[in-house]
Amino acid sequence: MSDFTIRTRKFKQNPLLGRKQFVLDIIHPGMANVSKKDLATKLASMYKVHDSQCIQLFGFKTAFGGGRSTGFGLIYENLDKMKKFEPKYRLKRAGVAEDKTGAGRRAKKDTKNRRKKVRGKEKT
């Protein structure tokens, strides 16, 4: 974890969704960017979050010339609220939700069409 500074703007409590939401400004001179894991651990200590898995960070853009980045952050009250309100792709990205299992769309269609062809025929 290198030297970087975090500032939050537009901090908002959202009790209906059970989260705090804010815009993050990161100052990281001499570094290309900062990993989301490092940012989450620093935010957890800043806002006294018990579980750093409840922190979602996304939408980061590095300013031209580097050294500064902005992004969006959400801190959920607990993991249940996060699972309820976060989109599935962000839950997968965070490692909370697992991928779908089973046959894909094309495979389902192929098996359906194969069944249509053998309907009413005796097995030989």
Foldseek 3Di string as FASTA:
>chain_A
DDDKDKDWPPWDQDVVLQKIKTKIKMFDPPDQDDDPVVVLVVVCVVVVPPDSLQKFWDDWDADPVGRMIMTMMMGHNDPVSCVVPPDPVSCVVSVNDDDDDDDDPVVVVVVVVVVVVCPPPDDD
